[in-house]
Amino acid sequence: MLRICSLFALCFLFAVPLQAAVRDTVSGSVRVIDGDTFDVGGTRVRLHAVDAPEMDQTCKAVQGATWDCGVWITKVVRDRFAGQIATCTSRDTDRYGRTVATCVVGGQDVGAWLVDQGMAFAYVKYGSDYVAQERVAARANRGLHATQIQAPEDHRRAKRKAAAAPSGECQIKGNISARGTRIYHISGQQFYQQTRISIRKGERWFCSQAAAQAAGWRAARR
């Protein structure tokens, strides 16, 4: 009887990690959102340990010309991976609710490919997985290493600071309520003064009511 109980206990112990592994893996067709963010089988995935330029980011060529490298990177990644089947192993969940994962397409580690081709940087803040690939890409002047570019993380930080400090013309407060409703307040309304804007939560300042409405916010009733 003791042996039977021990056997069941061992089976249970091995079954729990197996179930966790199944839960932590997502597979499906890839829809490319930007250089390091995919939808995989309906799950929003942020690739682990890589950082690609933002869509609105620009680069400066050696000759001095500025070009839309964020758009270019997204197009290259979309041409390479869109519609293919990816298997992603979860590592974490970020503050935006995205699954942070390592993804494989056709036996190829997507993050490794991006960094090796100079389409993204190793994001050492979250992992050193692709540092070797970045060194090789930098020596070969591949992709982004052949141009001047602000680190994507620095670009995002600068955008947040700019958004947090409204200009004289952009005084409309785009608030997100506890229920997730997007409501904007204009000067003179009842709750304008007490409303605080948190860029981290996705709230923002607007320069016109038309811009607020186009972005999905509605006017406050009072």
Protein backbone atom coordinates (compact mmCIF):
# COMPACT_ATOMS: atom_id res chain seq x y z
CA MET A 1 0.00 0.00 0.00
CA LEU A 2 2.86 2.34 0.87
CA ARG A 3 4.49 1.66 -2.51
CA ILE A 4 1.25 2.47 -4.33
CA CYS A 5 0.89 5.77 -2.45
CA SER A 6 4.50 6.65 -3.20
CA LEU A 7 3.95 5.87 -6.87
CA PHE A 8 0.90 8.13 -7.02
CA ALA A 9 2.85 10.89 -5.26
CA LEU A 10 5.67 10.65 -7.79
CA CYS A 11 3.24 10.73 -10.70
CA PHE A 12 1.63 13.83 -9.24
CA LEU A 13 4.97 15.58 -8.80
CA PHE A 14 5.97 14.91 -12.40
CA ALA A 15 2.53 15.80 -13.74
CA VAL A 16 2.49 19.30 -12.23
CA PRO A 17 5.59 20.58 -14.09
CA LEU A 18 4.30 18.95 -17.27
CA GLN A 19 0.98 20.78 -17.00
CA ALA A 20 2.80 24.03 -16.27
CA ALA A 21 4.95 23.54 -19.37
CA VAL A 22 1.84 23.06 -21.51
CA ARG A 23 0.26 26.19 -20.06
CA ASP A 24 3.42 28.22 -20.68
CA THR A 25 3.64 27.43 -24.40
CA VAL A 26 1.56 29.14 -27.08
CA SER A 27 1.50 28.28 -30.77
CA GLY A 28 -0.22 29.76 -33.76
CA SER A 29 -0.01 31.93 -36.84
CA VAL A 30 2.10 35.07 -36.50
CA ARG A 31 0.70 38.56 -36.93
CA VAL A 32 3.48 41.14 -36.67
CA ILE A 33 2.64 44.22 -34.59
CA ASP A 34 6.10 45.77 -34.69
CA GLY A 35 9.72 44.64 -34.69
CA ASP A 36 9.57 42.80 -31.37
CA THR A 37 5.85 42.28 -30.74
CA PHE A 38 3.69 39.56 -32.33
CA ASP A 39 0.21 38.17 -31.99
CA VAL A 40 0.61 34.39 -31.85
CA GLY A 41 -2.60 32.38 -31.95
CA GLY A 42 -4.49 35.26 -30.35
CA THR A 43 -1.86 35.92 -27.64
CA ARG A 44 0.04 39.21 -27.64
CA VAL A 45 3.73 38.29 -27.32
CA ARG A 46 6.68 40.58 -26.55
CA LEU A 47 9.89 38.84 -27.59
CA HIS A 48 12.24 38.11 -24.70
CA ALA A 49 15.63 39.88 -24.41
CA VAL A 50 15.43 41.84 -27.68
CA ASP A 51 14.57 45.49 -28.32
CA ALA A 52 13.64 46.71 -31.80
CA PRO A 53 13.09 50.34 -32.86
CA GLU A 54 9.64 51.79 -32.26
CA MET A 55 7.39 52.34 -35.29
CA ASP A 56 7.81 56.13 -35.06
CA GLN A 57 11.58 55.98 -34.62
CA THR A 58 13.97 57.43 -37.19
CA CYS A 59 17.62 56.76 -37.99
CA LYS A 60 20.34 58.85 -39.56
CA ALA A 61 22.34 57.44 -42.45
CA VAL A 62 26.10 57.90 -42.75
CA GLN A 63 25.45 60.59 -45.35
CA GLY A 64 23.27 62.48 -42.85
CA ALA A 65 19.82 61.72 -44.27
CA THR A 66 17.08 60.80 -41.80
CA TRP A 67 14.87 57.82 -42.60
CA ASP A 68 12.01 55.88 -40.99
CA CYS A 69 13.92 52.88 -39.68
CA GLY A 70 11.13 51.86 -37.28
CA VAL A 71 8.72 51.41 -40.18
CA TRP A 72 11.39 49.62 -42.21
CA ILE A 73 12.19 47.15 -39.42
CA THR A 74 8.52 46.29 -39.00
CA LYS A 75 8.17 45.66 -42.74
CA VAL A 76 11.24 43.39 -42.82
CA VAL A 77 10.01 41.39 -39.83
CA ARG A 78 6.50 41.16 -41.29
CA ASP A 79 7.84 39.92 -44.63
CA ARG A 80 9.94 37.31 -42.83
CA PHE A 81 7.50 35.95 -40.23
CA ALA A 82 3.89 37.03 -40.87
CA GLY A 83 1.54 34.09 -41.41
CA GLN A 84 4.05 31.48 -40.28
CA ILE A 85 3.50 29.19 -37.31
CA ALA A 86 5.40 30.13 -34.17
CA THR A 87 5.85 28.23 -30.93
CA CYS A 88 6.54 30.55 -28.02
CA THR A 89 7.71 29.63 -24.53
CA SER A 90 6.60 32.10 -21.89
CA ARG A 91 9.19 33.72 -19.64
CA ASP A 92 7.15 36.43 -17.93
CA THR A 93 4.26 38.89 -18.29
CA ASP A 94 5.11 42.58 -18.74
CA ARG A 95 3.32 45.57 -17.24
CA TYR A 96 1.15 45.89 -20.35
CA GLY A 97 -0.19 42.36 -19.94
CA ARG A 98 1.81 40.93 -22.83
CA THR A 99 3.37 37.48 -22.64
CA VAL A 100 7.16 37.84 -22.71
CA ALA A 101 8.42 34.79 -24.57
CA THR A 102 11.09 33.15 -26.67
CA CYS A 103 9.60 32.21 -30.05
CA VAL A 104 10.69 29.68 -32.65
CA VAL A 105 9.57 29.64 -36.29
CA GLY A 106 10.67 26.76 -38.53
CA GLY A 107 13.39 25.81 -36.04
CA GLN A 108 14.73 29.39 -35.96
CA ASP A 109 14.85 31.40 -32.73
CA VAL A 110 13.16 34.64 -33.81
CA GLY A 111 15.02 36.81 -31.30
CA ALA A 112 18.38 35.39 -32.38
CA TRP A 113 17.54 36.08 -36.03
CA LEU A 114 16.49 39.67 -35.35
CA VAL A 115 19.65 40.51 -33.43
CA ASP A 116 21.94 38.60 -35.80
CA GLN A 117 20.51 40.50 -38.79
CA GLY A 118 20.82 43.87 -37.05
CA MET A 119 17.04 44.32 -36.90
CA ALA A 120 17.01 44.61 -33.09
CA PHE A 121 19.37 44.97 -30.16
CA ALA A 122 20.10 42.56 -27.32
CA TYR A 123 18.00 43.83 -24.41
CA VAL A 124 20.51 43.01 -21.68
CA LYS A 125 18.31 44.65 -19.05
CA TYR A 126 16.13 41.54 -19.30
CA GLY A 127 18.55 38.87 -20.47
CA SER A 128 21.94 38.25 -22.09
CA ASP A 129 20.61 35.59 -24.47
CA TYR A 130 21.58 37.42 -27.67
CA VAL A 131 24.69 39.39 -26.72
CA ALA A 132 26.90 37.19 -28.92
CA GLN A 133 24.65 37.74 -31.95
CA GLU A 134 24.76 41.51 -31.41
CA ARG A 135 28.56 41.53 -31.35
CA VAL A 136 28.68 39.65 -34.66
CA ALA A 137 26.10 41.98 -36.25
CA ALA A 138 27.95 45.09 -35.02
CA ARG A 139 31.28 43.88 -36.42
CA ALA A 140 29.62 43.23 -39.78
CA ASN A 141 27.73 46.58 -39.78
CA ARG A 142 24.47 44.76 -40.40
CA GLY A 143 21.14 46.56 -40.39
CA LEU A 144 20.90 49.14 -37.61
CA HIS A 145 24.63 48.94 -36.91
CA ALA A 146 25.27 50.72 -40.22
CA THR A 147 23.27 53.77 -39.15
CA GLN A 148 22.92 56.19 -36.25
CA ILE A 149 20.02 55.40 -33.95
CA GLN A 150 18.91 56.22 -30.44
CA ALA A 151 18.50 53.14 -28.26
CA PRO A 152 14.80 52.17 -28.39
CA GLU A 153 14.55 52.31 -24.59
CA ASP A 154 15.92 55.89 -24.58
CA HIS A 155 13.49 56.82 -27.35
CA ARG A 156 10.54 55.56 -25.32
CA ARG A 157 11.76 57.36 -22.20
CA ALA A 158 12.04 60.65 -24.11
CA LYS A 159 8.51 60.21 -25.46
CA ARG A 160 7.13 59.62 -21.97
CA LYS A 161 8.82 62.74 -20.63
CA ALA A 162 7.51 64.82 -23.52
CA ALA A 163 3.99 63.46 -23.06
CA ALA A 164 4.07 64.11 -19.32
CA ALA A 165 4.88 67.79 -19.83
CA PRO A 166 2.02 69.35 -21.85
CA SER A 167 2.69 72.28 -24.15
CA GLY A 168 0.75 75.50 -23.85
CA GLU A 169 -1.70 74.39 -26.54
CA CYS A 170 -2.17 70.80 -25.37
CA GLN A 171 -4.14 71.11 -22.14
CA ILE A 172 -6.89 68.51 -22.64
CA LYS A 173 -6.52 65.67 -20.13
CA GLY A 174 -7.10 62.16 -21.49
CA ASN A 175 -7.93 60.14 -18.39
CA ILE A 176 -8.67 56.39 -18.08
CA SER A 177 -11.21 55.55 -15.39
CA ALA A 178 -11.03 52.63 -12.97
CA ARG A 179 -13.39 50.76 -15.32
CA GLY A 180 -11.11 51.37 -18.28
CA THR A 181 -13.28 54.07 -19.85
CA ARG A 182 -11.34 56.73 -21.75
CA ILE A 183 -12.63 60.18 -20.81
CA TYR A 184 -11.15 63.57 -21.61
CA HIS A 185 -11.53 66.71 -19.51
CA ILE A 186 -11.19 70.30 -20.73
CA SER A 187 -10.33 73.34 -18.65
CA GLY A 188 -13.33 74.65 -16.74
CA GLN A 189 -15.03 71.30 -16.26
CA GLN A 190 -15.83 70.09 -12.75
CA PHE A 191 -13.07 67.48 -12.43
CA TYR A 192 -10.39 69.07 -14.62
CA GLN A 193 -8.15 70.37 -11.83
CA GLN A 194 -8.19 67.19 -9.74
CA THR A 195 -7.58 64.86 -12.69
CA ARG A 196 -3.97 63.64 -12.87
CA ILE A 197 -2.44 62.16 -15.99
CA SER A 198 -0.36 58.96 -15.72
CA ILE A 199 1.54 58.23 -18.92
CA ARG A 200 2.44 54.77 -17.55
CA LYS A 201 -1.27 53.87 -17.42
CA GLY A 202 -1.75 54.95 -21.03
CA GLU A 203 -3.27 58.33 -20.23
CA ARG A 204 -2.24 61.34 -22.29
CA TRP A 205 -2.62 65.02 -23.13
CA PHE A 206 -4.46 66.23 -26.23
CA CYS A 207 -4.25 69.44 -28.21
CA SER A 208 -7.85 69.33 -29.45
CA GLN A 209 -11.12 67.56 -28.72
CA ALA A 210 -11.08 66.19 -32.25
CA ALA A 211 -7.70 64.52 -31.58
CA ALA A 212 -9.00 63.06 -28.31
CA GLN A 213 -12.11 61.65 -29.98
CA ALA A 214 -10.09 60.21 -32.87
CA ALA A 215 -7.90 58.39 -30.33
CA GLY A 216 -10.94 56.80 -28.66
CA TRP A 217 -11.64 59.17 -25.76
CA ARG A 218 -15.08 60.66 -25.04
CA ALA A 219 -15.87 63.97 -23.41
CA ALA A 220 -16.52 64.13 -19.67
CA ARG A 221 -20.17 64.80 -18.85
CA ARG A 222 -19.29 67.47 -16.28
